[in-house]
Amino acid sequence: MMALLRSRKTMFVLVGLVVVGLVISGAIGLFQSFNAAPVAQGQQGRGEQGQGQGQQGSPDGQQQEPPPEVDALGNPPSGFTYVDQDEAHCNGSICFRLILVAGEEGEALDMDTDEAVGTVYEHLLANGWEQELPPEADSPDDVELTDSVLTDGEVLVADSSSPGDSVPVIMLGNAGMPAY
């Protein structure tokens, strides 16, 4: 057992799992902050507390629509593969799925995270996806490609990688959810 813990390969796997866990928890927190009601409004009474992640439905009674599967992305760019985390993350009526971007055999990529996500974005754009601009941008030149959201009309894709992280992560959601 101790020899296994001294193995470099085992340590890389353990570090990778910890990093993936941190990225996933960060993405969940990010989406929860997008959907949190502003405190200053004061319209939410004590009996109207928001629903937790594990509950079905939303406060307005709408049923949660499951996030798209990884197949919605189509084939990955040459030399890449998409690794589905097999878990939907939901908050209210909004659900999303986190997808790791890896090499062909699932190994780590030999490029930085922004470059890997940029390659995926360019591949999606070449396959008919469109760039959605944030409200403050007038043209695609006003925003970095990896800082924007892509859509094919049914699915949204956003970069969910943590700054300085070595694991590129993209987020899939339904096109009906707020992009910004």
N, C-alpha and C. Protein backbone atom coordinates (compact mmCIF):
# COMPACT_ATOMS: atom_id res chain seq x y z
N MET A 1 0.83 -1.19 0.00
CA MET A 1 0.00 0.00 0.00
C MET A 1 0.87 1.25 0.00
N MET A 2 1.91 1.28 0.80
CA MET A 2 2.78 2.45 0.88
C MET A 2 3.51 2.66 -0.45
N ALA A 3 3.86 1.57 -1.13
CA ALA A 3 4.54 1.72 -2.42
C ALA A 3 3.62 2.37 -3.43
N LEU A 4 2.34 2.06 -3.36
CA LEU A 4 1.36 2.66 -4.26
C LEU A 4 1.26 4.16 -4.03
N LEU A 5 1.32 4.58 -2.76
CA LEU A 5 1.24 6.00 -2.44
C LEU A 5 2.50 6.75 -2.84
N ARG A 6 3.61 6.04 -2.99
CA ARG A 6 4.86 6.68 -3.41
C ARG A 6 4.98 6.78 -4.92
N SER A 7 4.11 6.13 -5.63
CA SER A 7 4.15 6.13 -7.09
C SER A 7 3.79 7.51 -7.63
N ARG A 8 4.57 7.97 -8.60
CA ARG A 8 4.31 9.27 -9.22
C ARG A 8 2.97 9.26 -9.96
N LYS A 9 2.69 8.17 -10.62
CA LYS A 9 1.44 8.07 -11.38
C LYS A 9 0.24 8.18 -10.44
N THR A 10 0.30 7.51 -9.31
CA THR A 10 -0.79 7.58 -8.34
C THR A 10 -0.94 8.99 -7.79
N MET A 11 0.16 9.65 -7.53
CA MET A 11 0.10 11.01 -7.02
C MET A 11 -0.51 11.95 -8.06
N PHE A 12 -0.14 11.78 -9.33
CA PHE A 12 -0.73 12.61 -10.39
C PHE A 12 -2.23 12.38 -10.48
N VAL A 13 -2.65 11.14 -10.36
CA VAL A 13 -4.09 10.83 -10.41
C VAL A 13 -4.80 11.47 -9.23
N LEU A 14 -4.24 11.36 -8.04
CA LEU A 14 -4.85 11.97 -6.85
C LEU A 14 -4.92 13.48 -6.97
N VAL A 15 -3.85 14.10 -7.43
CA VAL A 15 -3.84 15.55 -7.61
C VAL A 15 -4.88 15.94 -8.66
N GLY A 16 -4.96 15.18 -9.74
CA GLY A 16 -5.95 15.45 -10.78
C GLY A 16 -7.37 15.38 -10.25
N LEU A 17 -7.66 14.38 -9.43
CA LEU A 17 -8.99 14.25 -8.84
C LEU A 17 -9.33 15.43 -7.92
N VAL A 18 -8.35 15.87 -7.16
CA VAL A 18 -8.57 17.02 -6.27
C VAL A 18 -8.84 18.28 -7.10
N VAL A 19 -8.06 18.49 -8.15
CA VAL A 19 -8.25 19.66 -9.01
C VAL A 19 -9.62 19.62 -9.67
N VAL A 20 -10.02 18.47 -10.18
CA VAL A 20 -11.34 18.33 -10.81
C VAL A 20 -12.43 18.65 -9.80
N GLY A 21 -12.29 18.15 -8.59
CA GLY A 21 -13.27 18.44 -7.54
C GLY A 21 -13.37 19.92 -7.24
N LEU A 22 -12.22 20.60 -7.20
CA LEU A 22 -12.22 22.05 -6.96
C LEU A 22 -12.88 22.80 -8.11
N VAL A 23 -12.61 22.39 -9.34
CA VAL A 23 -13.22 23.06 -10.49
C VAL A 23 -14.73 22.87 -10.48
N ILE A 24 -15.18 21.67 -10.19
CA ILE A 24 -16.62 21.40 -10.16
C ILE A 24 -17.29 22.20 -9.07
N SER A 25 -16.70 22.24 -7.88
CA SER A 25 -17.33 23.00 -6.80
C SER A 25 -17.31 24.50 -7.11
N GLY A 26 -16.26 24.99 -7.77
CA GLY A 26 -16.22 26.39 -8.17
C GLY A 26 -17.30 26.72 -9.20
N ALA A 27 -17.51 25.82 -10.15
CA ALA A 27 -18.54 26.05 -11.17
C ALA A 27 -19.93 26.05 -10.55
N ILE A 28 -20.15 25.16 -9.60
CA ILE A 28 -21.45 25.13 -8.91
C ILE A 28 -21.67 26.43 -8.17
N GLY A 29 -20.67 26.90 -7.47
CA GLY A 29 -20.78 28.18 -6.75
C GLY A 29 -21.02 29.34 -7.70
N LEU A 30 -20.37 29.31 -8.86
CA LEU A 30 -20.57 30.37 -9.84
C LEU A 30 -22.01 30.40 -10.33
N PHE A 31 -22.55 29.25 -10.66
CA PHE A 31 -23.93 29.22 -11.14
C PHE A 31 -24.92 29.56 -10.02
N GLN A 32 -24.61 29.17 -8.80
CA GLN A 32 -25.49 29.54 -7.70
C GLN A 32 -25.48 31.05 -7.50
N SER A 33 -24.34 31.69 -7.68
CA SER A 33 -24.29 33.14 -7.51
C SER A 33 -25.05 33.85 -8.63
N PHE A 34 -25.08 33.28 -9.84
CA PHE A 34 -25.85 33.88 -10.93
C PHE A 34 -27.35 33.83 -10.62
N ASN A 35 -27.77 32.79 -9.93
CA ASN A 35 -29.19 32.57 -9.72
C ASN A 35 -29.68 33.05 -8.36
N ALA A 36 -28.80 33.55 -7.53
CA ALA A 36 -29.19 34.01 -6.20
C ALA A 36 -29.96 35.32 -6.31
N ALA A 37 -31.02 35.44 -5.54
CA ALA A 37 -31.79 36.68 -5.53
C ALA A 37 -30.99 37.75 -4.79
N PRO A 38 -30.98 38.97 -5.30
CA PRO A 38 -30.25 40.04 -4.60
C PRO A 38 -30.84 40.26 -3.20
N VAL A 39 -29.98 40.47 -2.23
CA VAL A 39 -30.40 40.64 -0.85
C VAL A 39 -31.19 41.93 -0.67
N ALA A 40 -30.87 42.95 -1.42
CA ALA A 40 -31.49 44.26 -1.25
C ALA A 40 -32.97 44.27 -1.63
N GLN A 41 -33.44 43.32 -2.43
CA GLN A 41 -34.83 43.34 -2.86
C GLN A 41 -35.79 43.11 -1.70
N GLY A 42 -35.46 42.19 -0.81
CA GLY A 42 -36.27 41.94 0.37
C GLY A 42 -37.66 41.41 0.06
N GLN A 43 -37.93 40.89 -1.13
CA GLN A 43 -39.24 40.41 -1.48
C GLN A 43 -39.44 38.95 -1.09
N GLN A 44 -38.40 38.26 -0.74
CA GLN A 44 -38.51 36.85 -0.41
C GLN A 44 -38.78 36.71 1.08
N GLY A 45 -39.95 36.23 1.42
CA GLY A 45 -40.32 36.06 2.83
C GLY A 45 -39.71 34.81 3.42
N ARG A 46 -39.89 34.64 4.72
CA ARG A 46 -39.33 33.47 5.38
C ARG A 46 -39.92 32.18 4.87
N GLY A 47 -41.15 32.20 4.45
CA GLY A 47 -41.80 30.99 3.96
C GLY A 47 -41.48 30.69 2.51
N GLU A 48 -40.75 31.57 1.84
CA GLU A 48 -40.46 31.40 0.42
C GLU A 48 -38.98 31.16 0.17
N GLN A 49 -38.33 30.44 1.03
CA GLN A 49 -36.91 30.18 0.86
C GLN A 49 -36.69 29.37 -0.41
N GLY A 50 -35.58 29.66 -1.12
CA GLY A 50 -35.26 28.97 -2.38
C GLY A 50 -35.04 27.49 -2.14
N GLN A 51 -35.18 26.70 -3.17
CA GLN A 51 -35.01 25.26 -3.05
C GLN A 51 -33.55 24.90 -3.22
N GLY A 52 -33.14 23.84 -2.58
CA GLY A 52 -31.77 23.37 -2.64
C GLY A 52 -31.49 22.64 -3.93
N GLN A 53 -30.23 22.27 -4.11
CA GLN A 53 -29.81 21.61 -5.34
C GLN A 53 -30.45 20.24 -5.50
N GLY A 54 -30.69 19.54 -4.44
CA GLY A 54 -31.18 18.18 -4.56
C GLY A 54 -32.67 18.10 -4.81
N GLN A 55 -33.40 19.20 -4.80
CA GLN A 55 -34.83 19.16 -4.96
C GLN A 55 -35.20 19.38 -6.41
N GLN A 56 -36.29 18.75 -6.84
CA GLN A 56 -36.78 18.91 -8.19
C GLN A 56 -37.69 20.11 -8.26
N GLY A 57 -37.72 20.75 -9.41
CA GLY A 57 -38.62 21.88 -9.60
C GLY A 57 -37.94 23.18 -9.24
N SER A 58 -38.62 24.27 -9.53
CA SER A 58 -38.10 25.58 -9.22
C SER A 58 -39.12 26.31 -8.38
N PRO A 59 -38.75 27.46 -7.79
CA PRO A 59 -39.69 28.18 -6.95
C PRO A 59 -40.98 28.58 -7.68
N ASP A 60 -40.91 28.76 -8.99
CA ASP A 60 -42.13 29.13 -9.72
C ASP A 60 -42.89 27.91 -10.22
N GLY A 61 -42.52 26.72 -9.80
CA GLY A 61 -43.26 25.50 -10.11
C GLY A 61 -42.85 24.83 -11.41
N GLN A 62 -41.87 25.39 -12.14
CA GLN A 62 -41.44 24.77 -13.38
C GLN A 62 -40.60 23.54 -13.08
N GLN A 63 -40.71 22.55 -13.93
CA GLN A 63 -39.93 21.33 -13.79
C GLN A 63 -38.53 21.56 -14.37
N GLN A 64 -37.50 21.00 -13.76
CA GLN A 64 -36.14 21.15 -14.25
C GLN A 64 -35.97 20.39 -15.55
N GLU A 65 -35.36 21.04 -16.52
CA GLU A 65 -35.04 20.38 -17.77
C GLU A 65 -33.62 19.86 -17.64
N PRO A 66 -33.39 18.57 -17.87
CA PRO A 66 -32.03 18.04 -17.70
C PRO A 66 -31.07 18.69 -18.70
N PRO A 67 -29.79 18.82 -18.30
CA PRO A 67 -28.83 19.44 -19.21
C PRO A 67 -28.55 18.52 -20.39
N PRO A 68 -28.05 19.09 -21.47
CA PRO A 68 -27.73 18.26 -22.64
C PRO A 68 -26.61 17.27 -22.32
N GLU A 69 -26.60 16.20 -23.06
CA GLU A 69 -25.54 15.20 -22.93
C GLU A 69 -24.31 15.69 -23.70
N VAL A 70 -23.17 15.08 -23.44
CA VAL A 70 -21.92 15.47 -24.09
C VAL A 70 -22.01 15.29 -25.61
N ASP A 71 -22.88 14.40 -26.09
CA ASP A 71 -23.04 14.18 -27.53
C ASP A 71 -23.51 15.43 -28.26
N ALA A 72 -24.11 16.38 -27.54
CA ALA A 72 -24.59 17.62 -28.16
C ALA A 72 -23.43 18.43 -28.73
N LEU A 73 -22.20 18.19 -28.28
CA LEU A 73 -21.03 18.90 -28.78
C LEU A 73 -20.54 18.34 -30.11
N GLY A 74 -21.00 17.16 -30.48
CA GLY A 74 -20.51 16.52 -31.70
C GLY A 74 -19.13 15.94 -31.46
N ASN A 75 -18.41 15.70 -32.54
CA ASN A 75 -17.06 15.15 -32.43
C ASN A 75 -16.10 16.22 -31.94
N PRO A 76 -15.16 15.87 -31.06
CA PRO A 76 -14.18 16.86 -30.58
C PRO A 76 -13.16 17.17 -31.67
N PRO A 77 -12.41 18.25 -31.49
CA PRO A 77 -11.33 18.55 -32.45
C PRO A 77 -10.31 17.41 -32.47
N SER A 78 -9.57 17.33 -33.54
CA SER A 78 -8.54 16.30 -33.68
C SER A 78 -7.54 16.38 -32.52
N GLY A 79 -7.27 15.25 -31.90
CA GLY A 79 -6.33 15.19 -30.78
C GLY A 79 -6.98 15.45 -29.43
N PHE A 80 -8.29 15.67 -29.40
CA PHE A 80 -9.01 15.96 -28.16
C PHE A 80 -10.08 14.91 -27.92
N THR A 81 -10.55 14.87 -26.69
CA THR A 81 -11.72 14.08 -26.34
C THR A 81 -12.47 14.82 -25.25
N TYR A 82 -13.78 14.59 -25.18
CA TYR A 82 -14.61 15.18 -24.13
C TYR A 82 -14.86 14.11 -23.08
N VAL A 83 -14.64 14.44 -21.81
CA VAL A 83 -14.84 13.50 -20.71
C VAL A 83 -16.00 14.01 -19.87
N ASP A 84 -17.14 13.35 -19.99
CA ASP A 84 -18.34 13.72 -19.25
C ASP A 84 -18.18 13.31 -17.79
N GLN A 85 -18.56 14.20 -16.88
CA GLN A 85 -18.48 13.91 -15.46
C GLN A 85 -19.69 13.13 -14.95
N ASP A 86 -20.62 12.77 -15.87
CA ASP A 86 -21.79 11.94 -15.57
C ASP A 86 -22.61 12.47 -14.41
N GLU A 87 -22.71 13.78 -14.29
CA GLU A 87 -23.49 14.34 -13.20
C GLU A 87 -24.07 15.68 -13.63
N ALA A 88 -25.36 15.82 -13.44
CA ALA A 88 -26.02 17.09 -13.72
C ALA A 88 -26.03 17.91 -12.44
N HIS A 89 -25.75 19.19 -12.57
CA HIS A 89 -25.78 20.11 -11.44
C HIS A 89 -26.97 21.04 -11.67
N CYS A 90 -27.88 21.10 -10.69
CA CYS A 90 -29.09 21.90 -10.86
C CYS A 90 -29.24 22.91 -9.73
N ASN A 91 -29.79 24.06 -10.10
CA ASN A 91 -30.10 25.11 -9.14
C ASN A 91 -31.39 25.74 -9.62
N GLY A 92 -32.47 25.53 -8.89
CA GLY A 92 -33.76 26.02 -9.35
C GLY A 92 -34.16 25.28 -10.61
N SER A 93 -34.49 26.00 -11.67
CA SER A 93 -34.89 25.36 -12.92
C SER A 93 -33.74 25.27 -13.91
N ILE A 94 -32.53 25.64 -13.49
CA ILE A 94 -31.37 25.64 -14.37
C ILE A 94 -30.46 24.46 -14.04
N CYS A 95 -30.15 23.67 -15.07
CA CYS A 95 -29.25 22.53 -14.91
C CYS A 95 -28.11 22.63 -15.93
N PHE A 96 -26.94 22.19 -15.54
CA PHE A 96 -25.79 22.20 -16.44
C PHE A 96 -24.96 20.97 -16.18
N ARG A 97 -24.06 20.67 -17.11
CA ARG A 97 -23.18 19.51 -17.04
C ARG A 97 -21.75 19.99 -17.28
N LEU A 98 -20.80 19.50 -16.51
CA LEU A 98 -19.39 19.86 -16.68
C LEU A 98 -18.69 18.78 -17.51
N ILE A 99 -17.91 19.24 -18.49
CA ILE A 99 -17.19 18.36 -19.40
C ILE A 99 -15.71 18.72 -19.36
N LEU A 100 -14.86 17.73 -19.09
CA LEU A 100 -13.42 17.95 -19.13
C LEU A 100 -12.93 17.81 -20.56
N VAL A 101 -11.98 18.63 -20.96
CA VAL A 101 -11.37 18.54 -22.27
C VAL A 101 -10.00 17.90 -22.07
N ALA A 102 -9.79 16.76 -22.74
CA ALA A 102 -8.54 16.01 -22.54
C ALA A 102 -7.99 15.59 -23.90
N GLY A 103 -6.82 14.93 -23.87
CA GLY A 103 -6.22 14.38 -25.08
C GLY A 103 -7.03 13.19 -25.58
N GLU A 104 -6.62 12.63 -26.72
CA GLU A 104 -7.37 11.54 -27.36
C GLU A 104 -7.63 10.35 -26.44
N GLU A 105 -6.69 10.00 -25.63
CA GLU A 105 -6.83 8.84 -24.75
C GLU A 105 -7.22 9.25 -23.33
N GLY A 106 -7.67 10.48 -23.14
CA GLY A 106 -8.07 10.95 -21.82
C GLY A 106 -6.92 11.52 -21.02
N GLU A 107 -5.74 11.61 -21.62
CA GLU A 107 -4.58 12.13 -20.91
C GLU A 107 -4.61 13.66 -20.88
N ALA A 108 -3.79 14.24 -20.02
CA ALA A 108 -3.70 15.70 -19.91
C ALA A 108 -3.14 16.27 -21.20
N LEU A 109 -3.59 17.47 -21.54
CA LEU A 109 -3.14 18.14 -22.75
C LEU A 109 -1.82 18.86 -22.51
N ASP A 110 -1.04 19.01 -23.58
CA ASP A 110 0.25 19.71 -23.51
C ASP A 110 0.10 21.17 -23.90
N MET A 111 -0.98 21.81 -23.44
CA MET A 111 -1.21 23.23 -23.73
C MET A 111 -1.93 23.84 -22.55
N ASP A 112 -1.93 25.16 -22.49
CA ASP A 112 -2.61 25.80 -21.37
C ASP A 112 -4.13 25.73 -21.57
N THR A 113 -4.85 25.99 -20.51
CA THR A 113 -6.30 25.84 -20.49
C THR A 113 -6.99 26.74 -21.51
N ASP A 114 -6.59 28.01 -21.59
CA ASP A 114 -7.22 28.94 -22.55
C ASP A 114 -7.02 28.47 -23.99
N GLU A 115 -5.85 27.94 -24.28
CA GLU A 115 -5.58 27.46 -25.64
C GLU A 115 -6.45 26.24 -25.96
N ALA A 116 -6.61 25.33 -25.00
CA ALA A 116 -7.43 24.14 -25.22
C ALA A 116 -8.90 24.52 -25.42
N VAL A 117 -9.42 25.39 -24.55
CA VAL A 117 -10.82 25.82 -24.68
C VAL A 117 -10.99 26.62 -25.98
N GLY A 118 -10.02 27.45 -26.33
CA GLY A 118 -10.07 28.20 -27.59
C GLY A 118 -10.13 27.28 -28.79
N THR A 119 -9.37 26.18 -28.76
CA THR A 119 -9.40 25.20 -29.85
C THR A 119 -10.78 24.56 -29.96
N VAL A 120 -11.38 24.21 -28.82
CA VAL A 120 -12.73 23.64 -28.83
C VAL A 120 -13.73 24.66 -29.35
N TYR A 121 -13.63 25.90 -28.91
CA TYR A 121 -14.54 26.95 -29.36
C TYR A 121 -14.43 27.15 -30.88
N GLU A 122 -13.20 27.23 -31.39
CA GLU A 122 -13.00 27.42 -32.83
C GLU A 122 -13.58 26.25 -33.62
N HIS A 123 -13.42 25.04 -33.08
CA HIS A 123 -13.98 23.84 -33.73
C HIS A 123 -15.51 23.92 -33.76
N LEU A 124 -16.12 24.34 -32.64
CA LEU A 124 -17.57 24.45 -32.60
C LEU A 124 -18.06 25.54 -33.57
N LEU A 125 -17.36 26.68 -33.62
CA LEU A 125 -17.74 27.75 -34.55
C LEU A 125 -17.65 27.27 -36.00
N ALA A 126 -16.64 26.47 -36.30
CA ALA A 126 -16.49 25.93 -37.66
C ALA A 126 -17.60 24.94 -37.99
N ASN A 127 -18.28 24.42 -36.97
CA ASN A 127 -19.35 23.45 -37.17
C ASN A 127 -20.73 24.07 -36.98
N GLY A 128 -20.86 25.38 -37.15
CA GLY A 128 -22.16 26.03 -37.16
C GLY A 128 -22.62 26.66 -35.85
N TRP A 129 -21.83 26.58 -34.80
CA TRP A 129 -22.21 27.23 -33.55
C TRP A 129 -22.00 28.73 -33.69
N GLU A 130 -22.67 29.51 -32.84
CA GLU A 130 -22.55 30.96 -32.88
C GLU A 130 -22.10 31.50 -31.53
N GLN A 131 -21.41 32.62 -31.57
CA GLN A 131 -20.93 33.26 -30.35
C GLN A 131 -21.99 34.23 -29.83
N GLU A 132 -22.38 34.06 -28.57
CA GLU A 132 -23.28 35.01 -27.93
C GLU A 132 -22.43 36.04 -27.20
N LEU A 133 -22.76 37.28 -27.39
CA LEU A 133 -21.98 38.35 -26.78
C LEU A 133 -22.60 38.80 -25.47
N PRO A 134 -21.77 39.18 -24.49
CA PRO A 134 -22.32 39.75 -23.26
C PRO A 134 -22.98 41.09 -23.57
N PRO A 135 -23.88 41.55 -22.70
CA PRO A 135 -24.62 42.79 -22.97
C PRO A 135 -23.72 44.01 -23.24
N GLU A 136 -22.54 44.08 -22.63
CA GLU A 136 -21.68 45.25 -22.79
C GLU A 136 -20.84 45.21 -24.07
N ALA A 137 -20.87 44.12 -24.83
CA ALA A 137 -20.07 43.99 -26.05
C ALA A 137 -20.92 44.32 -27.28
N ASP A 138 -20.32 45.07 -28.20
CA ASP A 138 -21.00 45.43 -29.44
C ASP A 138 -20.64 44.49 -30.59
N SER A 139 -19.44 43.91 -30.54
CA SER A 139 -19.00 43.01 -31.61
C SER A 139 -18.13 41.92 -31.00
N PRO A 140 -17.89 40.84 -31.76
CA PRO A 140 -17.03 39.77 -31.25
C PRO A 140 -15.61 40.23 -30.92
N ASP A 141 -15.17 41.34 -31.52
CA ASP A 141 -13.83 41.86 -31.24
C ASP A 141 -13.72 42.47 -29.84
N ASP A 142 -14.87 42.76 -29.22
CA ASP A 142 -14.88 43.40 -27.90
C ASP A 142 -14.66 42.41 -26.75
N VAL A 143 -14.69 41.12 -27.03
CA VAL A 143 -14.58 40.11 -25.98
C VAL A 143 -13.72 38.95 -26.47
N GLU A 144 -12.90 38.43 -25.58
CA GLU A 144 -12.10 37.24 -25.91
C GLU A 144 -13.05 36.08 -26.20
N LEU A 145 -12.69 35.25 -27.16
CA LEU A 145 -13.55 34.13 -27.54
C LEU A 145 -13.86 33.23 -26.35
N THR A 146 -12.84 32.92 -25.54
CA THR A 146 -13.06 32.01 -24.42
C THR A 146 -13.83 32.66 -23.27
N ASP A 147 -14.03 33.98 -23.32
CA ASP A 147 -14.83 34.66 -22.30
C ASP A 147 -16.29 34.79 -22.72
N SER A 148 -16.62 34.24 -23.86
CA SER A 148 -17.99 34.33 -24.36
C SER A 148 -18.68 32.97 -24.25
N VAL A 149 -19.93 32.95 -24.64
CA VAL A 149 -20.74 31.74 -24.62
C VAL A 149 -21.08 31.38 -26.06
N LEU A 150 -21.01 30.09 -26.38
CA LEU A 150 -21.38 29.63 -27.72
C LEU A 150 -22.73 28.92 -27.64
N THR A 151 -23.47 28.95 -28.75
CA THR A 151 -24.75 28.25 -28.80
C THR A 151 -24.99 27.70 -30.20
N ASP A 152 -25.73 26.61 -30.25
CA ASP A 152 -26.20 26.08 -31.52
C ASP A 152 -27.71 26.26 -31.64
N GLY A 153 -28.28 27.05 -30.75
CA GLY A 153 -29.71 27.29 -30.72
C GLY A 153 -30.43 26.45 -29.68
N GLU A 154 -29.85 25.31 -29.32
CA GLU A 154 -30.45 24.43 -28.32
C GLU A 154 -29.56 24.26 -27.09
N VAL A 155 -28.25 24.41 -27.28
CA VAL A 155 -27.28 24.15 -26.22
C VAL A 155 -26.38 25.37 -26.05
N LEU A 156 -26.04 25.68 -24.80
CA LEU A 156 -25.05 26.72 -24.49
C LEU A 156 -23.76 26.05 -24.03
N VAL A 157 -22.63 26.61 -24.42
CA VAL A 157 -21.32 26.14 -23.98
C VAL A 157 -20.57 27.32 -23.41
N ALA A 158 -20.01 27.16 -22.21
CA ALA A 158 -19.23 28.22 -21.58
C ALA A 158 -17.96 27.62 -20.98
N ASP A 159 -16.89 28.41 -20.97
CA ASP A 159 -15.65 27.99 -20.34
C ASP A 159 -15.85 28.05 -18.83
N SER A 160 -15.57 26.95 -18.16
CA SER A 160 -15.74 26.88 -16.72
C SER A 160 -14.42 26.57 -16.02
N SER A 161 -13.31 26.75 -16.73
CA SER A 161 -11.99 26.46 -16.15
C SER A 161 -11.64 27.53 -15.13
N SER A 162 -10.96 27.10 -14.08
CA SER A 162 -10.48 28.04 -13.07
C SER A 162 -9.20 28.70 -13.59
N PRO A 163 -9.00 29.99 -13.28
CA PRO A 163 -7.77 30.66 -13.72
C PRO A 163 -6.54 29.94 -13.17
N GLY A 164 -5.57 29.72 -14.04
CA GLY A 164 -4.34 29.06 -13.65
C GLY A 164 -4.47 27.56 -13.49
N ASP A 165 -5.64 27.02 -13.77
CA ASP A 165 -5.87 25.59 -13.62
C ASP A 165 -5.33 24.87 -14.86
N SER A 166 -4.88 23.66 -14.68
CA SER A 166 -4.34 22.90 -15.80
C SER A 166 -5.38 21.98 -16.43
N VAL A 167 -6.61 21.97 -15.92
CA VAL A 167 -7.66 21.11 -16.45
C VAL A 167 -8.71 21.98 -17.14
N PRO A 168 -8.79 21.91 -18.48
CA PRO A 168 -9.82 22.68 -19.18
C PRO A 168 -11.19 22.06 -18.96
N VAL A 169 -12.15 22.88 -18.55
CA VAL A 169 -13.50 22.41 -18.27
C VAL A 169 -14.48 23.33 -19.00
N ILE A 170 -15.43 22.72 -19.71
CA ILE A 170 -16.49 23.50 -20.32
C ILE A 170 -17.82 23.06 -19.71
N MET A 171 -18.77 23.94 -19.76
CA MET A 171 -20.07 23.73 -19.14
C MET A 171 -21.12 23.69 -20.23
N LEU A 172 -22.01 22.69 -20.16
CA LEU A 172 -23.12 22.58 -21.11
C LEU A 172 -24.41 22.90 -20.40
N GLY A 173 -25.24 23.69 -21.04
CA GLY A 173 -26.56 24.01 -20.50
C GLY A 173 -27.54 24.13 -21.64
N ASN A 174 -28.79 24.20 -21.33
CA ASN A 174 -29.82 24.38 -22.34
C ASN A 174 -29.86 25.84 -22.77
N ALA A 175 -30.21 26.08 -24.03
CA ALA A 175 -30.21 27.43 -24.57
C ALA A 175 -31.23 28.32 -23.89
N GLY A 176 -32.20 27.78 -23.17
CA GLY A 176 -33.19 28.59 -22.48
C GLY A 176 -32.67 29.22 -21.20
N MET A 177 -31.51 28.75 -20.68
CA MET A 177 -30.97 29.31 -19.45
C MET A 177 -30.24 30.62 -19.74
N PRO A 178 -30.13 31.51 -18.77
CA PRO A 178 -29.45 32.79 -19.02
C PRO A 178 -27.98 32.58 -19.36
N ALA A 179 -27.52 33.19 -20.43
CA ALA A 179 -26.13 33.02 -20.87
C ALA A 179 -25.21 33.93 -20.06
N TYR A 180 -25.70 35.10 -19.66
CA TYR A 180 -24.86 36.05 -18.90
C TYR A 180 -25.62 36.58 -17.73
